[in-house]
Every structure is written in C-alpha cells, then in structure tokens.
N, C-alpha and C. Protein backbone atom coordinates (compact mmCIF):
# COMPACT_ATOMS: atom_id res chain seq x y z
N MET A 1 18.65 -5.73 82.09
CA MET A 1 17.28 -5.14 82.06
C MET A 1 17.34 -3.74 81.39
N LYS A 2 16.54 -3.48 80.43
CA LYS A 2 16.40 -2.18 79.85
C LYS A 2 15.81 -1.21 80.76
N LYS A 3 16.15 0.08 80.56
CA LYS A 3 15.61 1.26 81.39
C LYS A 3 14.98 2.21 80.46
N TYR A 4 13.76 2.66 80.96
CA TYR A 4 13.04 3.77 80.14
C TYR A 4 12.46 4.69 81.07
N ILE A 5 12.65 5.98 80.79
CA ILE A 5 12.05 7.11 81.50
C ILE A 5 11.00 7.90 80.62
N LEU A 6 9.83 8.06 81.14
CA LEU A 6 8.94 8.88 80.56
C LEU A 6 8.80 10.16 81.18
N ALA A 7 8.93 11.30 80.42
CA ALA A 7 8.66 12.73 81.03
C ALA A 7 7.24 12.90 80.90
N SER A 8 6.49 12.82 82.05
CA SER A 8 5.11 12.99 82.08
C SER A 8 4.77 14.43 82.68
N THR A 9 3.61 14.73 83.22
CA THR A 9 3.28 16.13 83.54
C THR A 9 2.40 16.14 84.72
N SER A 10 2.49 17.36 85.46
CA SER A 10 1.52 17.63 86.51
C SER A 10 0.12 18.00 86.05
N SER A 11 -0.09 18.14 84.68
CA SER A 11 -1.41 18.42 84.25
C SER A 11 -2.39 17.44 84.44
N LEU A 12 -1.86 16.24 84.63
CA LEU A 12 -2.78 15.02 84.90
C LEU A 12 -3.60 15.15 86.19
N TYR A 13 -3.10 15.93 87.15
CA TYR A 13 -3.74 16.10 88.43
C TYR A 13 -4.86 16.98 88.48
N ALA A 14 -5.26 17.53 87.34
CA ALA A 14 -6.45 18.49 87.41
C ALA A 14 -7.64 18.17 88.10
N GLY A 15 -8.04 18.95 89.02
CA GLY A 15 -9.27 18.68 89.93
C GLY A 15 -8.90 17.78 91.12
N GLN A 16 -7.68 17.40 91.39
CA GLN A 16 -7.40 16.68 92.48
C GLN A 16 -7.04 17.42 93.74
N LYS A 17 -7.07 16.78 94.89
CA LYS A 17 -6.65 17.52 96.08
C LYS A 17 -5.13 17.62 96.18
N MET A 18 -4.79 18.91 96.59
CA MET A 18 -3.32 19.21 96.73
C MET A 18 -2.83 18.94 98.16
N PRO A 19 -1.50 18.68 98.40
CA PRO A 19 -0.49 18.60 97.36
C PRO A 19 -0.73 17.26 96.59
N PHE A 20 -0.40 17.30 95.34
CA PHE A 20 -0.61 16.08 94.55
C PHE A 20 0.27 14.89 94.82
N LYS A 21 -0.25 13.77 95.06
CA LYS A 21 0.54 12.52 95.33
C LYS A 21 0.27 11.63 94.10
N GLU A 22 1.39 10.75 93.96
CA GLU A 22 1.45 9.94 92.68
C GLU A 22 0.21 8.94 92.71
N ASP A 23 -0.35 8.57 93.76
CA ASP A 23 -1.40 7.52 93.86
C ASP A 23 -2.90 8.09 93.57
N LEU A 24 -2.98 9.42 93.28
CA LEU A 24 -4.27 9.99 93.00
C LEU A 24 -4.71 9.48 91.65
N PRO A 25 -6.20 9.37 91.42
CA PRO A 25 -6.58 8.96 90.28
C PRO A 25 -6.50 10.03 89.11
N VAL A 26 -5.92 9.73 88.01
CA VAL A 26 -5.78 10.79 86.97
C VAL A 26 -6.36 10.31 85.68
N ASN A 27 -7.80 10.00 85.68
CA ASN A 27 -8.46 9.34 84.64
C ASN A 27 -9.27 10.32 83.68
N GLU A 28 -9.25 11.54 84.08
CA GLU A 28 -9.97 12.56 83.37
C GLU A 28 -9.12 13.76 82.95
N PRO A 29 -8.20 13.64 82.06
CA PRO A 29 -7.47 14.76 81.64
C PRO A 29 -8.22 15.84 80.99
N ILE A 30 -7.94 17.17 81.30
CA ILE A 30 -8.84 18.14 80.70
C ILE A 30 -8.20 18.88 79.53
N SER A 31 -7.07 18.48 79.03
CA SER A 31 -6.31 19.12 77.91
C SER A 31 -5.87 17.93 76.97
N PRO A 32 -5.74 18.19 75.66
CA PRO A 32 -5.13 17.27 74.78
C PRO A 32 -3.73 16.86 75.20
N TYR A 33 -2.91 17.92 75.77
CA TYR A 33 -1.52 17.62 76.35
C TYR A 33 -1.55 16.57 77.46
N ALA A 34 -2.52 16.86 78.31
CA ALA A 34 -2.51 15.86 79.52
C ALA A 34 -3.11 14.55 79.00
N ALA A 35 -3.89 14.46 78.04
CA ALA A 35 -4.50 13.23 77.51
C ALA A 35 -3.39 12.42 76.86
N SER A 36 -2.39 13.17 76.09
CA SER A 36 -1.32 12.48 75.50
C SER A 36 -0.42 11.83 76.45
N LYS A 37 -0.19 12.54 77.62
CA LYS A 37 0.77 12.09 78.66
C LYS A 37 0.09 10.86 79.35
N LYS A 38 -1.19 10.86 79.64
CA LYS A 38 -1.89 9.78 80.18
C LYS A 38 -1.73 8.62 79.24
N SER A 39 -1.89 8.82 77.95
CA SER A 39 -1.83 7.64 77.08
C SER A 39 -0.47 7.08 77.17
N GLY A 40 0.57 7.91 77.28
CA GLY A 40 1.97 7.54 77.29
C GLY A 40 2.21 6.70 78.49
N GLU A 41 1.68 7.13 79.68
CA GLU A 41 1.98 6.42 80.92
C GLU A 41 1.23 5.01 80.92
N VAL A 42 -0.03 4.90 80.28
CA VAL A 42 -0.70 3.59 80.20
C VAL A 42 0.06 2.71 79.35
N THR A 43 0.66 3.20 78.20
CA THR A 43 1.49 2.40 77.23
C THR A 43 2.67 1.87 77.90
N CYS A 44 3.30 2.70 78.86
CA CYS A 44 4.55 2.42 79.50
C CYS A 44 4.23 1.17 80.48
N TYR A 45 3.02 1.24 81.11
CA TYR A 45 2.78 0.14 82.08
C TYR A 45 2.64 -1.13 81.26
N THR A 46 1.87 -1.06 80.16
CA THR A 46 1.68 -2.24 79.32
C THR A 46 3.10 -2.91 78.93
N TYR A 47 4.02 -2.04 78.44
CA TYR A 47 5.28 -2.50 77.96
C TYR A 47 6.17 -3.15 79.27
N HIS A 48 5.86 -2.53 80.37
CA HIS A 48 6.56 -2.99 81.56
C HIS A 48 6.04 -4.39 81.96
N LYS A 49 4.65 -4.60 81.92
CA LYS A 49 4.07 -5.88 82.21
C LYS A 49 4.47 -6.94 81.11
N LEU A 50 4.39 -6.66 79.83
CA LEU A 50 4.61 -7.55 78.83
C LEU A 50 6.14 -7.94 78.58
N TYR A 51 6.99 -7.05 78.70
CA TYR A 51 8.40 -7.16 78.46
C TYR A 51 9.38 -6.94 79.51
N ASN A 52 8.74 -6.77 80.81
CA ASN A 52 9.74 -6.55 81.90
C ASN A 52 10.66 -5.43 81.88
N ILE A 53 10.27 -4.30 81.16
CA ILE A 53 11.12 -3.25 80.96
C ILE A 53 11.08 -2.38 82.32
N ASP A 54 12.18 -1.92 82.71
CA ASP A 54 12.24 -1.14 83.91
C ASP A 54 11.92 0.31 83.51
N ILE A 55 10.76 0.86 84.03
CA ILE A 55 10.20 2.11 83.57
C ILE A 55 9.86 3.01 84.85
N THR A 56 10.42 4.22 84.71
CA THR A 56 10.13 5.28 85.68
C THR A 56 9.42 6.39 84.90
N ILE A 57 8.25 6.67 85.41
CA ILE A 57 7.45 7.94 84.89
C ILE A 57 7.65 9.05 85.83
N LEU A 58 8.21 10.12 85.22
CA LEU A 58 8.41 11.26 86.04
C LEU A 58 7.43 12.41 85.80
N ARG A 59 6.59 12.80 86.70
CA ARG A 59 5.73 13.83 86.48
C ARG A 59 6.25 15.23 86.76
N TYR A 60 6.62 15.89 85.76
CA TYR A 60 7.34 17.29 85.95
C TYR A 60 6.23 18.28 86.37
N PHE A 61 6.74 19.29 87.18
CA PHE A 61 5.90 20.35 87.54
C PHE A 61 6.45 21.72 87.04
N THR A 62 5.86 22.28 86.12
CA THR A 62 6.10 23.56 85.45
C THR A 62 7.57 23.96 85.41
N VAL A 63 8.26 23.26 84.54
CA VAL A 63 9.70 23.43 84.33
C VAL A 63 10.10 24.90 83.75
N TYR A 64 10.95 25.43 84.37
CA TYR A 64 11.40 26.77 83.84
C TYR A 64 13.00 26.75 83.87
N GLY A 65 13.44 27.86 83.09
CA GLY A 65 14.91 28.12 83.23
C GLY A 65 15.45 28.45 81.84
N PRO A 66 16.73 28.68 81.68
CA PRO A 66 17.42 28.78 80.37
C PRO A 66 16.86 27.91 79.27
N ALA A 67 16.61 28.52 78.05
CA ALA A 67 16.15 27.71 77.00
C ALA A 67 14.90 27.10 77.18
N ALA A 68 13.94 27.67 78.06
CA ALA A 68 12.68 27.16 78.31
C ALA A 68 11.69 27.14 77.17
N ARG A 69 10.58 26.43 77.47
CA ARG A 69 9.50 26.27 76.40
C ARG A 69 8.95 27.71 76.19
N PRO A 70 9.01 28.24 74.92
CA PRO A 70 8.49 29.53 74.79
C PRO A 70 7.03 29.75 74.92
N ASP A 71 6.20 28.71 75.03
CA ASP A 71 4.81 28.69 75.13
C ASP A 71 4.39 28.92 76.54
N MET A 72 5.33 28.75 77.56
CA MET A 72 4.87 28.86 78.88
C MET A 72 5.14 30.29 79.53
N SER A 73 4.64 30.58 80.68
CA SER A 73 4.67 31.86 81.19
C SER A 73 5.98 32.42 81.47
N PRO A 74 6.89 31.72 82.04
CA PRO A 74 8.22 32.27 82.43
C PRO A 74 9.02 32.86 81.22
N PHE A 75 9.04 32.21 80.07
CA PHE A 75 9.74 32.80 78.86
C PHE A 75 8.95 33.93 78.39
N ARG A 76 7.57 33.78 78.25
CA ARG A 76 6.80 34.95 77.77
C ARG A 76 6.88 36.08 78.70
N PHE A 77 6.76 36.03 79.88
CA PHE A 77 6.95 37.10 80.75
C PHE A 77 8.26 37.83 80.50
N ILE A 78 9.37 37.22 80.69
CA ILE A 78 10.64 37.79 80.36
C ILE A 78 10.77 38.37 79.04
N SER A 79 10.33 37.72 78.00
CA SER A 79 10.40 38.29 76.65
C SER A 79 9.50 39.51 76.53
N TRP A 80 8.32 39.51 77.02
CA TRP A 80 7.35 40.62 77.02
C TRP A 80 7.91 41.91 77.70
N ILE A 81 8.29 41.61 78.91
CA ILE A 81 8.81 42.94 79.68
C ILE A 81 10.11 43.38 79.21
N THR A 82 11.12 42.53 78.64
CA THR A 82 12.31 42.95 78.16
C THR A 82 11.99 43.85 76.92
N GLN A 83 10.95 43.54 76.14
CA GLN A 83 10.62 44.20 74.90
C GLN A 83 9.58 45.33 75.16
N ALA A 84 9.24 45.51 76.38
CA ALA A 84 8.21 46.59 76.72
C ALA A 84 6.89 46.24 75.96
N LYS A 85 6.55 44.98 75.91
CA LYS A 85 5.27 44.66 75.39
C LYS A 85 4.21 44.16 76.46
N PRO A 86 2.94 44.26 76.19
CA PRO A 86 2.03 43.94 77.25
C PRO A 86 2.20 42.40 77.60
N VAL A 87 2.10 42.24 78.87
CA VAL A 87 2.09 40.85 79.49
C VAL A 87 0.64 40.40 79.56
N ILE A 88 0.43 39.30 78.94
CA ILE A 88 -0.90 38.70 78.77
C ILE A 88 -1.00 37.69 79.92
N ILE A 89 -1.98 37.82 80.84
CA ILE A 89 -2.28 36.83 81.73
C ILE A 89 -3.75 36.30 81.64
N TYR A 90 -3.87 34.94 81.64
CA TYR A 90 -5.15 34.48 81.46
C TYR A 90 -5.83 34.20 82.70
N GLY A 91 -6.95 34.95 83.03
CA GLY A 91 -7.55 34.87 84.41
C GLY A 91 -7.00 36.02 85.28
N ASN A 92 -7.17 35.84 86.54
CA ASN A 92 -6.83 37.00 87.50
C ASN A 92 -5.30 37.01 87.94
N GLY A 93 -4.63 35.86 87.54
CA GLY A 93 -3.25 35.86 87.76
C GLY A 93 -2.98 35.20 89.24
N LYS A 94 -3.96 34.84 89.90
CA LYS A 94 -3.88 34.21 91.32
C LYS A 94 -3.73 32.74 91.16
N GLN A 95 -3.75 32.19 89.98
CA GLN A 95 -3.51 30.71 89.83
C GLN A 95 -2.03 30.45 90.21
N SER A 96 -1.79 29.38 90.78
CA SER A 96 -0.52 29.11 91.25
C SER A 96 0.13 27.92 90.55
N ARG A 97 1.57 27.97 90.49
CA ARG A 97 2.31 26.85 89.88
C ARG A 97 3.34 26.46 90.67
N ASP A 98 3.71 25.19 90.71
CA ASP A 98 4.89 24.68 91.35
C ASP A 98 6.13 24.73 90.43
N PHE A 99 6.64 25.95 90.26
CA PHE A 99 7.65 26.21 89.33
C PHE A 99 9.02 25.33 89.81
N THR A 100 9.52 24.54 88.79
CA THR A 100 10.63 23.80 89.11
C THR A 100 11.84 24.11 88.21
N TYR A 101 12.99 24.40 88.66
CA TYR A 101 14.14 24.80 87.77
C TYR A 101 14.62 23.69 86.99
N VAL A 102 15.05 24.03 85.79
CA VAL A 102 15.34 22.90 84.86
C VAL A 102 16.62 21.98 85.31
N ASP A 103 17.57 22.66 85.98
CA ASP A 103 18.76 21.86 86.59
C ASP A 103 18.30 20.80 87.57
N ASP A 104 17.33 21.17 88.38
CA ASP A 104 16.74 20.21 89.39
C ASP A 104 15.99 19.05 88.70
N ILE A 105 15.21 19.42 87.68
CA ILE A 105 14.55 18.44 86.91
C ILE A 105 15.56 17.40 86.21
N ALA A 106 16.66 17.98 85.59
CA ALA A 106 17.74 17.18 85.00
C ALA A 106 18.34 16.29 85.95
N ARG A 107 18.61 16.77 87.05
CA ARG A 107 19.31 15.96 88.10
C ARG A 107 18.33 14.84 88.60
N GLY A 108 17.13 15.23 88.76
CA GLY A 108 16.27 14.12 89.14
C GLY A 108 16.07 13.02 88.15
N THR A 109 15.99 13.43 86.83
CA THR A 109 15.88 12.44 85.75
C THR A 109 17.10 11.57 85.71
N ILE A 110 18.23 12.05 85.92
CA ILE A 110 19.43 11.23 86.04
C ILE A 110 19.45 10.21 87.07
N MET A 111 18.96 10.70 88.25
CA MET A 111 18.92 9.91 89.41
C MET A 111 17.86 8.81 89.33
N ALA A 112 16.90 9.03 88.49
CA ALA A 112 15.74 7.98 88.19
C ALA A 112 16.34 6.83 87.24
N LEU A 113 17.58 6.98 86.87
CA LEU A 113 18.05 5.97 85.82
C LEU A 113 18.28 4.54 86.43
N LYS A 114 18.33 4.64 87.83
CA LYS A 114 18.66 3.34 88.44
C LYS A 114 17.38 2.40 88.43
N PRO A 115 17.68 1.00 88.61
CA PRO A 115 16.63 0.09 88.50
C PRO A 115 15.51 0.41 89.54
N LEU A 116 14.25 0.47 89.21
CA LEU A 116 13.15 0.68 90.04
C LEU A 116 11.91 -0.11 89.72
N GLY A 117 11.90 -0.91 88.67
CA GLY A 117 10.84 -1.68 88.34
C GLY A 117 9.76 -0.91 87.55
N PHE A 118 8.59 -0.45 88.21
CA PHE A 118 7.77 0.43 87.62
C PHE A 118 7.37 1.46 88.71
N GLU A 119 7.70 2.75 88.41
CA GLU A 119 7.41 3.79 89.46
C GLU A 119 6.90 4.98 88.70
N ILE A 120 6.02 5.70 89.37
CA ILE A 120 5.59 7.06 89.01
C ILE A 120 6.01 8.02 90.04
N ILE A 121 6.74 9.02 89.73
CA ILE A 121 7.38 9.98 90.80
C ILE A 121 7.26 11.41 90.34
N ASN A 122 6.77 12.25 91.25
CA ASN A 122 6.77 13.64 91.01
C ASN A 122 8.02 14.46 91.17
N LEU A 123 8.35 15.33 90.28
CA LEU A 123 9.48 16.18 90.47
C LEU A 123 8.97 17.60 90.46
N GLY A 124 8.98 18.20 91.59
CA GLY A 124 8.36 19.67 91.78
C GLY A 124 9.22 20.42 92.88
N SER A 125 8.93 21.57 92.99
CA SER A 125 9.55 22.40 93.92
C SER A 125 8.98 22.20 95.33
N ASP A 126 7.71 21.78 95.55
CA ASP A 126 7.09 21.72 96.62
C ASP A 126 6.71 23.10 97.29
N LYS A 127 6.84 24.00 96.49
CA LYS A 127 6.46 25.48 96.98
C LYS A 127 5.94 26.29 95.83
N PRO A 128 4.44 26.30 95.80
CA PRO A 128 3.77 27.01 94.69
C PRO A 128 3.91 28.52 94.81
N TYR A 129 3.96 29.10 93.64
CA TYR A 129 3.91 30.62 93.65
C TYR A 129 2.78 31.03 92.69
N LYS A 130 2.06 32.10 93.22
CA LYS A 130 1.01 32.66 92.31
C LYS A 130 1.68 33.22 91.10
N LEU A 131 1.03 33.19 90.04
CA LEU A 131 1.45 33.79 88.77
C LEU A 131 1.82 35.25 88.88
N VAL A 132 1.00 36.03 89.59
CA VAL A 132 1.38 37.38 89.78
C VAL A 132 2.63 37.60 90.58
N ASP A 133 2.88 36.81 91.55
CA ASP A 133 4.01 36.84 92.46
C ASP A 133 5.31 36.56 91.61
N PHE A 134 5.16 35.50 90.78
CA PHE A 134 6.27 35.03 89.81
C PHE A 134 6.55 36.24 88.96
N LEU A 135 5.59 36.97 88.47
CA LEU A 135 5.68 38.04 87.48
C LEU A 135 6.48 39.22 88.35
N HIS A 136 6.08 39.41 89.64
CA HIS A 136 6.64 40.50 90.37
C HIS A 136 8.15 40.23 90.64
N ILE A 137 8.59 38.99 90.62
CA ILE A 137 10.03 38.73 90.84
C ILE A 137 10.86 38.95 89.58
N ILE A 138 10.17 38.61 88.40
CA ILE A 138 10.78 39.03 87.16
C ILE A 138 11.00 40.58 87.01
N GLU A 139 9.90 41.21 87.38
CA GLU A 139 9.94 42.70 87.27
C GLU A 139 11.15 43.19 88.20
N LYS A 140 11.20 42.69 89.26
CA LYS A 140 12.36 43.20 90.29
C LYS A 140 13.65 42.97 89.67
N LYS A 141 13.86 41.70 89.05
CA LYS A 141 15.16 41.38 88.52
C LYS A 141 15.46 42.21 87.27
N LEU A 142 14.47 42.53 86.55
CA LEU A 142 14.74 43.33 85.33
C LEU A 142 14.70 44.87 85.55
N ASN A 143 14.10 45.20 86.79
CA ASN A 143 13.93 46.60 87.14
C ASN A 143 12.97 47.21 86.10
N LYS A 144 12.04 46.56 85.73
CA LYS A 144 10.99 47.05 84.80
C LYS A 144 9.64 46.69 85.23
N LYS A 145 8.65 47.59 85.04
CA LYS A 145 7.30 47.21 85.45
C LYS A 145 6.50 46.66 84.22
N ALA A 146 5.86 45.68 84.49
CA ALA A 146 4.93 45.05 83.40
C ALA A 146 3.66 45.79 83.15
N LYS A 147 3.20 45.83 81.95
CA LYS A 147 1.85 46.31 81.60
C LYS A 147 0.98 45.02 81.32
N VAL A 148 0.11 44.71 82.42
CA VAL A 148 -0.55 43.41 82.33
C VAL A 148 -1.89 43.66 81.58
N VAL A 149 -2.24 42.68 80.77
CA VAL A 149 -3.49 42.68 80.15
C VAL A 149 -4.08 41.31 80.32
N HIS A 150 -5.23 41.34 81.02
CA HIS A 150 -5.95 40.04 81.33
C HIS A 150 -6.84 39.60 80.32
N GLN A 151 -6.89 38.34 80.12
CA GLN A 151 -7.75 37.53 79.19
C GLN A 151 -8.46 36.48 79.87
N PRO A 152 -9.49 36.13 79.40
CA PRO A 152 -10.40 35.06 80.08
C PRO A 152 -9.54 33.76 80.46
N PHE A 153 -9.85 33.20 81.50
CA PHE A 153 -9.21 31.98 81.93
C PHE A 153 -9.49 30.92 81.01
N HIS A 154 -8.44 30.09 80.63
CA HIS A 154 -8.71 29.00 79.61
C HIS A 154 -9.24 27.78 80.33
N PRO A 155 -10.27 27.10 79.71
CA PRO A 155 -10.86 25.97 80.46
C PRO A 155 -9.96 24.77 80.56
N ALA A 156 -8.88 24.72 79.78
CA ALA A 156 -8.03 23.59 79.73
C ALA A 156 -6.84 23.92 80.71
N ASP A 157 -6.85 25.03 81.40
CA ASP A 157 -5.85 25.36 82.23
C ASP A 157 -6.11 24.90 83.77
N MET A 158 -5.21 24.92 84.64
CA MET A 158 -5.34 24.52 86.01
C MET A 158 -5.20 25.67 86.93
N LYS A 159 -6.03 25.66 88.04
CA LYS A 159 -6.11 26.75 88.95
C LYS A 159 -4.88 26.79 89.78
N ALA A 160 -4.21 25.53 90.07
CA ALA A 160 -3.05 25.36 90.87
C ALA A 160 -2.34 24.07 90.71
N THR A 161 -1.03 23.98 90.92
CA THR A 161 -0.30 22.76 91.09
C THR A 161 0.47 22.79 92.23
N TRP A 162 0.69 21.56 92.83
CA TRP A 162 1.57 21.59 94.04
C TRP A 162 2.05 20.19 94.19
N ALA A 163 3.33 19.93 94.05
CA ALA A 163 3.69 18.47 94.18
C ALA A 163 4.13 18.04 95.54
N ASP A 164 3.61 16.89 95.82
CA ASP A 164 4.10 16.08 97.02
C ASP A 164 5.33 15.37 96.49
N ILE A 165 6.52 15.71 96.98
CA ILE A 165 7.75 15.14 96.54
C ILE A 165 8.40 14.13 97.56
N SER A 166 7.55 13.72 98.47
CA SER A 166 8.17 12.69 99.52
C SER A 166 8.58 11.50 98.85
N LYS A 167 7.96 11.06 97.80
CA LYS A 167 8.36 9.81 97.08
C LYS A 167 9.76 9.97 96.32
N ALA A 168 9.83 11.13 95.87
CA ALA A 168 11.12 11.41 95.21
C ALA A 168 12.23 11.43 96.14
N ARG A 169 11.99 12.09 97.30
CA ARG A 169 12.98 12.07 98.43
C ARG A 169 13.42 10.68 98.88
N LYS A 170 12.45 9.89 99.16
CA LYS A 170 12.45 8.51 99.70
C LYS A 170 13.23 7.58 98.63
N ILE A 171 12.74 7.42 97.43
CA ILE A 171 13.21 6.47 96.44
C ILE A 171 14.58 7.08 95.65
N LEU A 172 14.50 8.35 95.30
CA LEU A 172 15.74 8.98 94.57
C LEU A 172 16.62 9.58 95.34
N GLY A 173 16.33 10.01 96.59
CA GLY A 173 17.15 10.92 97.31
C GLY A 173 17.31 12.19 96.81
N TRP A 174 16.14 12.66 96.12
CA TRP A 174 16.15 14.00 95.39
C TRP A 174 15.36 15.07 96.12
N ARG A 175 15.82 16.20 95.96
CA ARG A 175 15.07 17.38 96.40
C ARG A 175 15.54 18.54 95.47
N PRO A 176 14.67 19.60 95.28
CA PRO A 176 15.06 20.66 94.55
C PRO A 176 16.03 21.58 95.30
N LYS A 177 16.97 22.16 94.64
CA LYS A 177 18.05 22.96 95.32
C LYS A 177 17.98 24.40 94.94
N THR A 178 17.45 24.68 93.71
CA THR A 178 17.47 26.07 93.21
C THR A 178 16.38 26.93 93.59
N LYS A 179 16.60 28.03 94.31
CA LYS A 179 15.61 29.04 94.86
C LYS A 179 15.13 29.78 93.59
N ILE A 180 13.77 30.22 93.71
CA ILE A 180 13.12 30.67 92.51
C ILE A 180 13.74 31.95 92.05
N GLU A 181 14.26 32.77 92.97
CA GLU A 181 14.89 34.03 92.63
C GLU A 181 16.21 33.79 91.74
N LYS A 182 17.00 32.78 92.11
CA LYS A 182 18.19 32.46 91.45
C LYS A 182 17.74 31.82 90.00
N GLY A 183 16.72 31.02 90.02
CA GLY A 183 16.24 30.41 88.74
C GLY A 183 15.77 31.51 87.76
N ILE A 184 15.03 32.52 88.33
CA ILE A 184 14.52 33.50 87.36
C ILE A 184 15.82 34.42 86.89
N GLU A 185 16.69 34.62 87.74
CA GLU A 185 17.87 35.45 87.37
C GLU A 185 18.65 34.70 86.28
N ASN A 186 18.73 33.39 86.37
CA ASN A 186 19.50 32.70 85.43
C ASN A 186 18.72 32.64 84.09
N SER A 187 17.47 32.52 84.12
CA SER A 187 16.64 32.60 82.97
C SER A 187 16.59 33.96 82.24
N ILE A 188 16.76 35.08 83.04
CA ILE A 188 16.86 36.29 82.43
C ILE A 188 18.22 36.48 81.69
N THR A 189 19.20 36.10 82.39
CA THR A 189 20.62 36.23 81.80
C THR A 189 20.65 35.44 80.46
N TRP A 190 20.07 34.21 80.53
CA TRP A 190 20.05 33.40 79.28
C TRP A 190 19.29 34.25 78.07
N PHE A 191 18.07 34.76 78.43
CA PHE A 191 17.37 35.45 77.43
C PHE A 191 18.17 36.67 76.92
N LYS A 192 18.78 37.39 77.84
CA LYS A 192 19.63 38.55 77.33
C LYS A 192 20.71 38.17 76.38
N ASP A 193 21.33 37.08 76.78
CA ASP A 193 22.59 36.54 76.00
C ASP A 193 22.12 36.02 74.58
N ASN A 194 20.86 35.64 74.53
CA ASN A 194 20.23 35.13 73.24
C ASN A 194 19.24 36.00 72.72
N ARG A 195 19.13 37.12 73.09
CA ARG A 195 18.05 38.06 72.64
C ARG A 195 17.94 38.21 71.12
N THR A 196 18.95 38.17 70.41
CA THR A 196 18.97 38.50 69.04
C THR A 196 17.90 37.56 68.32
N TRP A 197 17.87 36.31 68.69
CA TRP A 197 16.84 35.38 68.18
C TRP A 197 15.72 35.01 69.00
N ALA A 198 15.98 34.98 70.39
CA ALA A 198 14.93 34.69 71.35
C ALA A 198 13.73 35.65 71.28
N ALA A 199 14.03 37.06 71.14
CA ALA A 199 13.04 37.85 71.10
C ALA A 199 12.06 37.69 69.81
N LYS A 200 12.51 36.96 68.78
CA LYS A 200 11.77 36.80 67.72
C LYS A 200 10.83 35.65 67.63
N VAL A 201 11.00 34.80 68.79
CA VAL A 201 10.21 33.63 68.89
C VAL A 201 8.68 33.99 69.12
N ARG A 202 7.87 33.33 68.25
CA ARG A 202 6.40 33.52 68.24
C ARG A 202 5.84 32.62 69.12
N PHE A 203 4.85 33.00 69.92
CA PHE A 203 4.09 32.18 70.91
C PHE A 203 2.85 31.57 70.25
C-alpha cells in the first residue's frame, strides 16, 4: 500500500472554537492559502477512496525554527531586531499563535508514515503565545529592544490558534518536546550564522 502525507495548516480552523479539534467543520477558509490547503485535503480524500492510498493529513500549527519561512513573524522579528529596523505588527499584537518548533514537526511527520488509512491529525505545541509575548522572548534573547510599528489587522489573519493534540498523542505517540525559549534561541543562532544572506531576504 502506498503512503502519502499532506502538509496542511491550522489556518483552516478560522472562526472555530478553541482548542481546535480535527473533527471541526472547515468549509469556509478566509485566505487563499487556507483555501488551497482545503482543496488539497479534499483531493487527498478522493484519491484515498478511489485508489486505496494510505493518506495522513497533518495540520501544522505556526512552524518556526532555523531556516524558517521569511514571511512569518518569527523570522521577521529576529531579522528586524537584529538589524535595528522597526518591527511591524498587524493589529495590537495580542493575537496568539500555537508556535511549534520545526524539529517537533519533522519528528511528527516521520511518525505519521506508518499505515493509518485516512487520518487528519494536528501537530501543535498545545500552548499558545501572544505575539507580543513571543516578541519579548526574542528581545530578551537578543538583549535588544524592538521598535514596534502597528499596522491595521489583516482580514485574512486569525486572532488565535490553539491545537488539540490528543489525537496525535493517541495515534502517533507524539508530543512536542522543544520549549519555546530554546526554539527561539536556536532560531537566533541560525540567523546569526547565516546573517550574510539571511538579512537580505525580502518579505
């Protein structure tokens, strides 16, 4: 039997009750990104039914760490503060995210390679942090104060994310291991080691 894993997103849960469980209806994505992931999930289910392909859909929650996506806040915050540039926050910064370290995500993805039939599973830290609190940890690790500039909250953004990871614990035997302080420290170390080109990345 063939095995396929789809990297999906917590963005599908916009507007739902937290913590987000996999059985919540996710029929109204509020961003093109979420819509593309929903389309991918539906297509995966079709191929599972038609061709009996073993498929596990993993809904990742705000992945961060070394070599992270430069369009997401962890990379941006570190880059801006390191270069003494203004830190842009959309909204009041009190929106929260279930930041999940990349090593934990990678480990969970590998664990999901076993035969499961068709499953949708959350991979998250199960401990949301407000954006401003995440920023304060970065400031502390860098020993630098950020100059924050607020912009209007984006309508395609989410006010909060929080993963219910009980299914991942039960089916995969998975749980996150990396504390956010250590994850941020590793992210900063990577950025400094690669600053020559990483600082030039445009958002």
